C-alpha atoms as a PDB file:
ATOM      1  CA  MET A   1       0.000   0.000   0.000  1.00  0.00           C
ATOM      2  CA  ASP A   2       2.876   2.363   0.809  1.00  0.00           C
ATOM      3  CA  TRP A   3       4.445   2.113  -2.660  1.00  0.00           C
ATOM      4  CA  ILE A   4       1.028   2.421  -4.298  1.00  0.00           C
ATOM      5  CA  LEU A   5       0.515   5.770  -2.590  1.00  0.00           C
ATOM      6  CA  ASP A   6       3.971   6.834  -3.801  1.00  0.00           C
ATOM      7  CA  LEU A   7       2.939   5.900  -7.326  1.00  0.00           C
ATOM      8  CA  ILE A   8      -0.366   7.761  -7.069  1.00  0.00           C
ATOM      9  CA  ARG A   9       1.387  10.919  -5.848  1.00  0.00           C
ATOM     10  CA  VAL A  10       3.921  10.716  -8.697  1.00  0.00           C
ATOM     11  CA  VAL A  11       1.181  10.217 -11.302  1.00  0.00           C
ATOM     12  CA  LEU A  12      -0.856  13.044  -9.766  1.00  0.00           C
ATOM     13  CA  SER A  13       2.098  15.428  -9.903  1.00  0.00           C
ATOM     14  CA  PHE A  14       3.082  14.463 -13.432  1.00  0.00           C
ATOM     15  CA  SER A  15      -0.488  14.759 -14.747  1.00  0.00           C
ATOM     16  CA  PHE A  16      -1.028  18.251 -13.373  1.00  0.00           C
ATOM     17  CA  LEU A  17       2.414  19.441 -14.471  1.00  0.00           C
ATOM     18  CA  ILE A  18       1.840  18.154 -18.010  1.00  0.00           C
ATOM     19  CA  TYR A  19      -1.498  19.934 -18.269  1.00  0.00           C
ATOM     20  CA  ALA A  20      -0.140  23.145 -16.750  1.00  0.00           C
ATOM     21  CA  SER A  21       2.855  23.084 -19.111  1.00  0.00           C
ATOM     22  CA  TRP A  22       0.599  22.625 -22.127  1.00  0.00           C
ATOM     23  CA  SER A  23      -1.624  25.487 -20.998  1.00  0.00           C
ATOM     24  CA  ASP A  24       1.384  27.720 -20.289  1.00  0.00           C
ATOM     25  CA  TRP A  25       2.923  26.917 -23.674  1.00  0.00           C
ATOM     26  CA  LYS A  26      -0.300  27.571 -25.551  1.00  0.00           C
ATOM     27  CA  SER A  27      -1.538  30.734 -23.862  1.00  0.00           C
ATOM     28  CA  ARG A  28       1.122  31.676 -21.274  1.00  0.00           C
ATOM     29  CA  GLU A  29      -1.612  31.318 -18.677  1.00  0.00           C
ATOM     30  CA  VAL A  30      -2.579  28.580 -16.236  1.00  0.00           C
ATOM     31  CA  SER A  31      -5.942  28.664 -14.516  1.00  0.00           C
ATOM     32  CA  ASN A  32      -5.878  28.843 -10.732  1.00  0.00           C
ATOM     33  CA  LYS A  33      -8.377  25.987 -10.799  1.00  0.00           C
ATOM     34  CA  VAL A  34      -5.491  23.649 -11.677  1.00  0.00           C
ATOM     35  CA  TRP A  35      -3.723  24.357  -8.388  1.00  0.00           C
ATOM     36  CA  ALA A  36      -6.992  24.627  -6.440  1.00  0.00           C
ATOM     37  CA  ILE A  37      -7.697  21.008  -7.416  1.00  0.00           C
ATOM     38  CA  MET A  38      -4.149  19.675  -7.119  1.00  0.00           C
ATOM     39  CA  ALA A  39      -3.310  21.178  -3.708  1.00  0.00           C
ATOM     40  CA  PRO A  40      -6.035  19.489  -1.575  1.00  0.00           C
ATOM     41  CA  LEU A  41      -5.622  16.164  -3.398  1.00  0.00           C
ATOM     42  CA  ALA A  42      -1.860  16.237  -2.876  1.00  0.00           C
ATOM     43  CA  LEU A  43      -2.143  17.296   0.768  1.00  0.00           C
ATOM     44  CA  THR A  44      -4.698  14.585   1.568  1.00  0.00           C
ATOM     45  CA  LEU A  45      -2.708  11.776  -0.064  1.00  0.00           C
ATOM     46  CA  THR A  46       0.653  12.802   1.375  1.00  0.00           C
ATOM     47  CA  LEU A  47      -0.648  13.520   4.851  1.00  0.00           C
ATOM     48  CA  PHE A  48      -2.471  10.173   4.949  1.00  0.00           C
ATOM     49  CA  GLN A  49       0.619   8.254   3.824  1.00  0.00           C
ATOM     50  CA  PHE A  50       2.931   9.985   6.286  1.00  0.00           C
ATOM     51  CA  VAL A  51       0.546   9.579   9.238  1.00  0.00           C
ATOM     52  CA  VAL A  52      -0.062   5.887   8.534  1.00  0.00           C
ATOM     53  CA  PHE A  53       3.331   4.696   7.279  1.00  0.00           C
ATOM     54  CA  ASP A  54       5.923   7.318   8.238  1.00  0.00           C
ATOM     55  CA  PRO A  55       4.777   9.606  11.091  1.00  0.00           C
ATOM     56  CA  GLN A  56       8.389  10.502  11.943  1.00  0.00           C
ATOM     57  CA  GLY A  57       8.663  12.085   8.486  1.00  0.00           C
ATOM     58  CA  LEU A  58       5.959  14.689   9.192  1.00  0.00           C
ATOM     59  CA  PRO A  59       8.438  17.382  10.373  1.00  0.00           C
ATOM     60  CA  LEU A  60      10.369  17.010   7.092  1.00  0.00           C
ATOM     61  CA  PHE A  61       7.079  17.265   5.195  1.00  0.00           C
ATOM     62  CA  ALA A  62       6.324  20.555   6.932  1.00  0.00           C
ATOM     63  CA  LEU A  63       9.891  21.807   6.427  1.00  0.00           C
ATOM     64  CA  SER A  64       9.806  20.954   2.721  1.00  0.00           C
ATOM     65  CA  PHE A  65       6.580  22.874   2.211  1.00  0.00           C
ATOM     66  CA  ALA A  66       7.815  25.857   4.233  1.00  0.00           C
ATOM     67  CA  ILE A  67      11.160  26.161   2.418  1.00  0.00           C
ATOM     68  CA  THR A  68       9.685  25.581  -1.035  1.00  0.00           C
ATOM     69  CA  SER A  69       6.889  28.086  -0.442  1.00  0.00           C
ATOM     70  CA  THR A  70       9.289  30.720   0.881  1.00  0.00           C
ATOM     71  CA  LEU A  71      11.613  30.277  -2.091  1.00  0.00           C
ATOM     72  CA  SER A  72       8.740  30.340  -4.597  1.00  0.00           C
ATOM     73  CA  VAL A  73       7.136  33.466  -3.156  1.00  0.00           C
ATOM     74  CA  ALA A  74      10.502  35.244  -2.932  1.00  0.00           C
ATOM     75  CA  LEU A  75      11.315  34.457  -6.571  1.00  0.00           C
ATOM     76  CA  PHE A  76       7.832  35.553  -7.623  1.00  0.00           C
ATOM     77  CA  TYR A  77       8.144  38.967  -5.975  1.00  0.00           C
ATOM     78  CA  ALA A  78      11.679  39.295  -7.330  1.00  0.00           C
ATOM     79  CA  GLY A  79      10.254  38.925 -10.842  1.00  0.00           C
ATOM     80  CA  ALA A  80      12.142  35.700 -11.589  1.00  0.00           C
ATOM     81  CA  PHE A  81       9.035  33.521 -11.302  1.00  0.00           C
ATOM     82  CA  GLY A  82       5.533  33.672 -12.661  1.00  0.00           C
ATOM     83  CA  GLY A  83       2.573  33.016 -10.406  1.00  0.00           C
ATOM     84  CA  ALA A  84       1.921  29.619 -11.984  1.00  0.00           C
ATOM     85  CA  ASP A  85       5.574  28.597 -11.529  1.00  0.00           C
ATOM     86  CA  ALA A  86       5.444  29.432  -7.833  1.00  0.00           C
ATOM     87  CA  LYS A  87       2.152  27.603  -7.333  1.00  0.00           C
ATOM     88  CA  ALA A  88       3.444  24.570  -9.215  1.00  0.00           C
ATOM     89  CA  LEU A  89       6.424  24.171  -6.888  1.00  0.00           C
ATOM     90  CA  MET A  90       4.271  24.759  -3.816  1.00  0.00           C
ATOM     91  CA  CYS A  91       1.789  22.099  -4.928  1.00  0.00           C
ATOM     92  CA  LEU A  92       4.681  19.775  -5.721  1.00  0.00           C
ATOM     93  CA  SER A  93       5.949  20.218  -2.158  1.00  0.00           C
ATOM     94  CA  LEU A  94       2.540  19.008  -0.981  1.00  0.00           C
ATOM     95  CA  ALA A  95       2.470  16.037  -3.338  1.00  0.00           C
ATOM     96  CA  LEU A  96       6.125  14.983  -3.112  1.00  0.00           C
ATOM     97  CA  PRO A  97       7.859  16.789  -0.262  1.00  0.00           C
ATOM     98  CA  THR A  98      10.520  14.081  -0.260  1.00  0.00           C
ATOM     99  CA  TYR A  99      11.854  11.679  -2.859  1.00  0.00           C
ATOM    100  CA  PRO A 100       9.483   8.698  -3.452  1.00  0.00           C
ATOM    101  CA  THR A 101      11.933   6.039  -2.268  1.00  0.00           C
ATOM    102  CA  LYS A 102       9.392   3.226  -2.555  1.00  0.00           C
ATOM    103  CA  LEU A 103       9.541   3.621  -6.331  1.00  0.00           C
ATOM    104  CA  PHE A 104      13.021   4.969  -7.143  1.00  0.00           C
ATOM    105  CA  GLN A 105      15.427   3.790  -4.491  1.00  0.00           C
ATOM    106  CA  PHE A 106      18.477   3.930  -6.774  1.00  0.00           C
ATOM    107  CA  ASN A 107      18.570   7.746  -6.803  1.00  0.00           C
ATOM    108  CA  ILE A 108      18.163   8.402  -3.090  1.00  0.00           C
ATOM    109  CA  LEU A 109      21.759   9.625  -2.733  1.00  0.00           C
ATOM    110  CA  ARG A 110      21.466  11.962  -5.739  1.00  0.00           C
ATOM    111  CA  VAL A 111      18.628  14.180  -4.576  1.00  0.00           C
ATOM    112  CA  SER A 112      18.052  16.781  -1.888  1.00  0.00           C
ATOM    113  CA  PRO A 113      16.106  15.632   1.198  1.00  0.00           C
ATOM    114  CA  ILE A 114      13.666  18.347   0.110  1.00  0.00           C
ATOM    115  CA  PHE A 115      12.677  16.928  -3.270  1.00  0.00           C
ATOM    116  CA  PRO A 116      11.135  20.116  -4.784  1.00  0.00           C
ATOM    117  CA  LEU A 117      14.530  21.822  -4.438  1.00  0.00           C
ATOM    118  CA  THR A 118      16.041  19.152  -6.682  1.00  0.00           C
ATOM    119  CA  VAL A 119      13.254  19.735  -9.208  1.00  0.00           C
ATOM    120  CA  PHE A 120      13.865  23.478  -9.025  1.00  0.00           C
ATOM    121  CA  SER A 121      17.652  23.240  -9.533  1.00  0.00           C
ATOM    122  CA  ASN A 122      17.214  20.836 -12.446  1.00  0.00           C
ATOM    123  CA  SER A 123      14.620  23.149 -14.014  1.00  0.00           C
ATOM    124  CA  VAL A 124      16.941  26.140 -13.808  1.00  0.00           C
ATOM    125  CA  LEU A 125      19.826  24.145 -15.274  1.00  0.00           C
ATOM    126  CA  LEU A 126      17.720  22.852 -18.162  1.00  0.00           C
ATOM    127  CA  ALA A 127      16.405  26.354 -18.858  1.00  0.00           C
ATOM    128  CA  ALA A 128      19.983  27.627 -18.891  1.00  0.00           C
ATOM    129  CA  PHE A 129      20.714  25.467 -21.929  1.00  0.00           C
ATOM    130  CA  THR A 130      18.642  27.917 -23.992  1.00  0.00           C
ATOM    131  CA  VAL A 131      21.612  30.260 -23.581  1.00  0.00           C
ATOM    132  CA  VAL A 132      23.531  28.105 -26.080  1.00  0.00           C
ATOM    133  CA  TYR A 133      20.908  28.801 -28.760  1.00  0.00           C
ATOM    134  CA  ALA A 134      20.941  32.541 -28.054  1.00  0.00           C
ATOM    135  CA  VAL A 135      24.738  32.746 -28.210  1.00  0.00           C
ATOM    136  CA  LEU A 136      24.911  30.810 -31.489  1.00  0.00           C
ATOM    137  CA  ARG A 137      22.115  32.838 -33.080  1.00  0.00           C
ATOM    138  CA  ASN A 138      23.669  36.168 -32.052  1.00  0.00           C
ATOM    139  CA  SER A 139      27.104  35.098 -33.239  1.00  0.00           C
ATOM    140  CA  PHE A 140      25.715  33.998 -36.609  1.00  0.00           C
ATOM    141  CA  TRP A 141      23.774  37.266 -36.973  1.00  0.00           C
ATOM    142  CA  ARG A 142      26.948  39.255 -36.310  1.00  0.00           C
ATOM    143  CA  LEU A 143      28.943  37.288 -38.898  1.00  0.00           C
ATOM    144  CA  LYS A 144      26.155  37.362 -41.482  1.00  0.00           C
ATOM    145  CA  THR A 145      25.287  41.074 -41.294  1.00  0.00           C
ATOM    146  CA  GLY A 146      28.614  42.545 -40.198  1.00  0.00           C
ATOM    147  CA  LYS A 147      26.661  44.974 -38.039  1.00  0.00           C
ATOM    148  CA  LYS A 148      27.200  45.806 -34.412  1.00  0.00           C
ATOM    149  CA  LEU A 149      24.951  43.858 -32.074  1.00  0.00           C
ATOM    150  CA  PHE A 150      24.339  46.801 -29.788  1.00  0.00           C
ATOM    151  CA  GLU A 151      24.256  49.740 -32.153  1.00  0.00           C
ATOM    152  CA  GLY A 152      22.215  52.455 -30.455  1.00  0.00           C
ATOM    153  CA  PHE A 153      23.007  51.145 -26.988  1.00  0.00           C
ATOM    154  CA  GLU A 154      26.450  52.675 -26.597  1.00  0.00           C
ATOM    155  CA  ASN A 155      25.534  54.111 -23.194  1.00  0.00           C
ATOM    156  CA  GLU A 156      24.303  50.803 -21.796  1.00  0.00           C
ATOM    157  CA  SER A 157      26.484  48.918 -19.333  1.00  0.00           C
ATOM    158  CA  ILE A 158      28.485  45.878 -20.358  1.00  0.00           C
ATOM    159  CA  TRP A 159      26.563  43.601 -18.014  1.00  0.00           C
ATOM    160  CA  ARG A 160      23.197  44.628 -19.545  1.00  0.00           C
ATOM    161  CA  LYS A 161      24.528  43.880 -23.010  1.00  0.00           C
ATOM    162  CA  PHE A 162      25.900  40.580 -21.775  1.00  0.00           C
ATOM    163  CA  ALA A 163      22.531  39.662 -20.253  1.00  0.00           C
ATOM    164  CA  ALA A 164      20.737  40.455 -23.529  1.00  0.00           C
ATOM    165  CA  PHE A 165      23.320  38.475 -25.508  1.00  0.00           C
ATOM    166  CA  LEU A 166      22.715  35.395 -23.360  1.00  0.00           C
ATOM    167  CA  THR A 167      18.940  35.542 -23.077  1.00  0.00           C
ATOM    168  CA  GLY A 168      17.707  37.111 -26.320  1.00  0.00           C
ATOM    169  CA  TYR A 169      18.426  37.925 -29.937  1.00  0.00           C
ATOM    170  CA  LYS A 170      17.502  40.278 -32.778  1.00  0.00           C
ATOM    171  CA  VAL A 171      14.053  39.879 -34.360  1.00  0.00           C
ATOM    172  CA  LYS A 172      12.006  41.824 -36.884  1.00  0.00           C
ATOM    173  CA  THR A 173       9.660  44.309 -35.230  1.00  0.00           C
ATOM    174  CA  ALA A 174       6.695  42.534 -36.823  1.00  0.00           C
ATOM    175  CA  GLU A 175       7.583  39.347 -34.911  1.00  0.00           C
ATOM    176  CA  LEU A 176       6.816  41.069 -31.629  1.00  0.00           C
ATOM    177  CA  GLU A 177       3.127  40.983 -32.506  1.00  0.00           C
ATOM    178  CA  LYS A 178       3.225  37.223 -33.032  1.00  0.00           C
ATOM    179  CA  GLY A 179       3.431  34.508 -30.422  1.00  0.00           C
ATOM    180  CA  HIS A 180       4.812  35.449 -27.040  1.00  0.00           C
ATOM    181  CA  MET A 181       8.052  37.275 -27.750  1.00  0.00           C
ATOM    182  CA  LEU A 182       9.041  39.657 -24.961  1.00  0.00           C
ATOM    183  CA  PRO A 183      10.911  42.833 -25.976  1.00  0.00           C
ATOM    184  CA  LEU A 184      14.328  43.169 -24.380  1.00  0.00           C
ATOM    185  CA  GLU A 185      14.493  46.848 -25.201  1.00  0.00           C
ATOM    186  CA  ASP A 186      12.333  49.920 -24.861  1.00  0.00           C
ATOM    187  CA  ILE A 187      12.351  53.317 -26.553  1.00  0.00           C
ATOM    188  CA  THR A 188      11.182  56.644 -25.203  1.00  0.00           C
ATOM    189  CA  LYS A 189      10.492  59.742 -27.268  1.00  0.00           C
ATOM    190  CA  SER A 190      11.768  63.123 -26.197  1.00  0.00           C
ATOM    191  CA  GLU A 191      11.165  66.533 -27.766  1.00  0.00           C
ATOM    192  CA  LYS A 192      14.351  68.033 -26.355  1.00  0.00           C
ATOM    193  CA  ARG A 193      16.807  65.234 -27.184  1.00  0.00           C
ATOM    194  CA  ALA A 194      17.183  62.140 -29.343  1.00  0.00           C
ATOM    195  CA  ASP A 195      15.123  59.033 -28.649  1.00  0.00           C
ATOM    196  CA  GLU A 196      16.480  56.964 -25.793  1.00  0.00           C
ATOM    197  CA  ARG A 197      16.762  53.205 -26.256  1.00  0.00           C
ATOM    198  CA  ARG A 198      17.506  51.017 -23.259  1.00  0.00           C
ATOM    199  CA  LEU A 199      17.913  47.313 -22.678  1.00  0.00           C
ATOM    200  CA  LEU A 200      15.552  45.467 -20.335  1.00  0.00           C
ATOM    201  CA  VAL A 201      17.116  42.846 -18.084  1.00  0.00           C
ATOM    202  CA  LEU A 202      13.922  41.397 -16.567  1.00  0.00           C
ATOM    203  CA  PRO A 203      11.051  42.183 -18.953  1.00  0.00           C
ATOM    204  CA  LYS A 204       7.599  41.878 -17.405  1.00  0.00           C
ATOM    205  CA  ASP A 205       4.831  40.249 -19.391  1.00  0.00           C
ATOM    206  CA  GLU A 206       2.237  42.747 -18.131  1.00  0.00           C
ATOM    207  CA  GLU A 207       4.231  45.599 -19.704  1.00  0.00           C
ATOM    208  CA  ARG A 208       4.714  43.795 -23.019  1.00  0.00           C
ATOM    209  CA  GLY A 209       1.823  45.407 -24.885  1.00  0.00           C
ATOM    210  CA  ILE A 210       2.745  48.978 -23.930  1.00  0.00           C
ATOM    211  CA  ILE A 211       6.412  48.531 -24.878  1.00  0.00           C
ATOM    212  CA  ILE A 212       5.552  46.895 -28.202  1.00  0.00           C
ATOM    213  CA  GLU A 213       3.263  49.832 -29.052  1.00  0.00           C
ATOM    214  CA  ARG A 214       6.131  52.250 -28.444  1.00  0.00           C
ATOM    215  CA  ILE A 215       8.500  50.157 -30.580  1.00  0.00           C
ATOM    216  CA  LEU A 216       6.050  49.812 -33.485  1.00  0.00           C
ATOM    217  CA  SER A 217       5.231  53.519 -33.342  1.00  0.00           C
ATOM    218  CA  ALA A 218       8.945  54.378 -33.482  1.00  0.00           C
ATOM    219  CA  LYS A 219       9.375  52.016 -36.443  1.00  0.00           C
ATOM    220  CA  GLN A 220       6.465  53.575 -38.376  1.00  0.00           C
ATOM    221  CA  GLU A 221       7.821  57.059 -37.767  1.00  0.00           C
ATOM    222  CA  GLY A 222      11.263  56.020 -38.997  1.00  0.00           C
ATOM    223  CA  ARG A 223      12.884  56.496 -35.620  1.00  0.00           C
ATOM    224  CA  LEU A 224      13.838  52.832 -35.314  1.00  0.00           C
ATOM    225  CA  GLN A 225      15.318  50.198 -37.594  1.00  0.00           C
ATOM    226  CA  ASN A 226      13.485  46.956 -38.409  1.00  0.00           C
ATOM    227  CA  GLU A 227      15.199  44.775 -35.800  1.00  0.00           C
ATOM    228  CA  VAL A 228      14.995  44.875 -32.016  1.00  0.00           C
ATOM    229  CA  TRP A 229      16.186  42.784 -29.102  1.00  0.00           C
ATOM    230  CA  ALA A 230      13.667  40.240 -27.797  1.00  0.00           C
ATOM    231  CA  THR A 231      13.451  36.964 -25.914  1.00  0.00           C
ATOM    232  CA  PRO A 232      11.081  34.065 -26.606  1.00  0.00           C
ATOM    233  CA  GLY A 233      10.037  34.071 -22.955  1.00  0.00           C
ATOM    234  CA  LEU A 234       9.818  30.288 -22.754  1.00  0.00           C
ATOM    235  CA  PRO A 235       7.434  29.152 -20.008  1.00  0.00           C
ATOM    236  CA  LEU A 236       9.367  27.910 -16.991  1.00  0.00           C
ATOM    237  CA  LEU A 237       6.627  25.376 -16.268  1.00  0.00           C
ATOM    238  CA  VAL A 238       7.834  23.332 -19.240  1.00  0.00           C
ATOM    239  CA  PHE A 239      11.298  23.192 -17.709  1.00  0.00           C
ATOM    240  CA  ILE A 240       9.837  22.415 -14.278  1.00  0.00           C
ATOM    241  CA  THR A 241       8.060  19.420 -15.811  1.00  0.00           C
ATOM    242  CA  PHE A 242      11.238  18.197 -17.481  1.00  0.00           C
ATOM    243  CA  GLY A 243      13.116  18.901 -14.255  1.00  0.00           C
ATOM    244  CA  PHE A 244      10.594  16.757 -12.404  1.00  0.00           C
ATOM    245  CA  ILE A 245      11.134  13.836 -14.786  1.00  0.00           C
ATOM    246  CA  VAL A 246      14.922  14.162 -14.599  1.00  0.00           C
ATOM    247  CA  SER A 247      14.812  14.397 -10.807  1.00  0.00           C
ATOM    248  CA  LEU A 248      12.884  11.137 -10.559  1.00  0.00           C
ATOM    249  CA  THR A 249      14.981   9.179 -13.036  1.00  0.00           C
ATOM    250  CA  LEU A 250      18.491  10.639 -12.760  1.00  0.00           C
ATOM    251  CA  GLY A 251      18.561  12.758  -9.629  1.00  0.00           C
ATOM    252  CA  ASP A 252      20.178  16.154  -9.129  1.00  0.00           C
ATOM    253  CA  LEU A 253      21.978  17.175 -12.337  1.00  0.00           C
ATOM    254  CA  ILE A 254      24.236  19.628 -10.523  1.00  0.00           C
ATOM    255  CA  PHE A 255      25.290  16.879  -8.102  1.00  0.00           C
ATOM    256  CA  ILE A 256      25.958  14.537 -11.022  1.00  0.00           C
ATOM    257  CA  LEU A 257      27.955  17.149 -12.972  1.00  0.00           C
ATOM    258  CA  LEU A 258      30.042  18.006  -9.927  1.00  0.00           C
ATOM    259  CA  GLY A 259      30.708  14.321  -9.417  1.00  0.00           C
ATOM    260  CA  LEU A 260      31.945  13.974 -12.984  1.00  0.00           C
ATOM    261  CA  ILE A 261      34.157  17.057 -12.679  1.00  0.00           C
ATOM    262  CA  LEU A 262      35.661  16.145  -9.331  1.00  0.00           C
ATOM    263  CA  ALA A 263      36.008  12.433 -10.016  1.00  0.00           C
END
């Protein structure tokens, strides 16, 4: 019965994460109903299993939820997380606060005692691989056009340019109206001096429409060229789902990589 409950909690988590990822990918929105359904189901199953089969693990259950919730809320208010991302990790801490050892005993030494932290670190690492694509695309654009990557941003700091180089790339202004591209630059019009263009390090989705209007207006008035910096704004929930799968089957990727390096 113990391992069956482990299996049910894993299937529950995977099912909700898959649906949330699909919804996030399609519309960049996830209904709160998803988490309103998952949270009580996860809490009931986990609490029942711990009380019946592992009552001494209840303090770790509470600690896992507390740490995961604190981290999620902090990242949300810092602008590094979306609301759905934070809720996903919090619900995961209710469903699988610790690694399901009854199902995957071979990875017990490769994960954090607080399982959602392993999922989080794997998600961040997997998302970081998108940097490779951005670097290659920017390098190819530079070689192909012979133009400067940051023409018009001479007054911007090196670290802002570096951040844009790693997380975004040049796109046609028309592409901003399609899909879910987030502008990595903004432009402000001034009557007394030339237009000011600035790079955005942490673009906010709620400001996307206003910034795009300014960019398109500047393009129509001839105050801006046809290419601007943007990022695809890939939904983190997709990476959280992949991070969840990797955490169950392989363990903590950072732990594994460090082991390979230091071996």
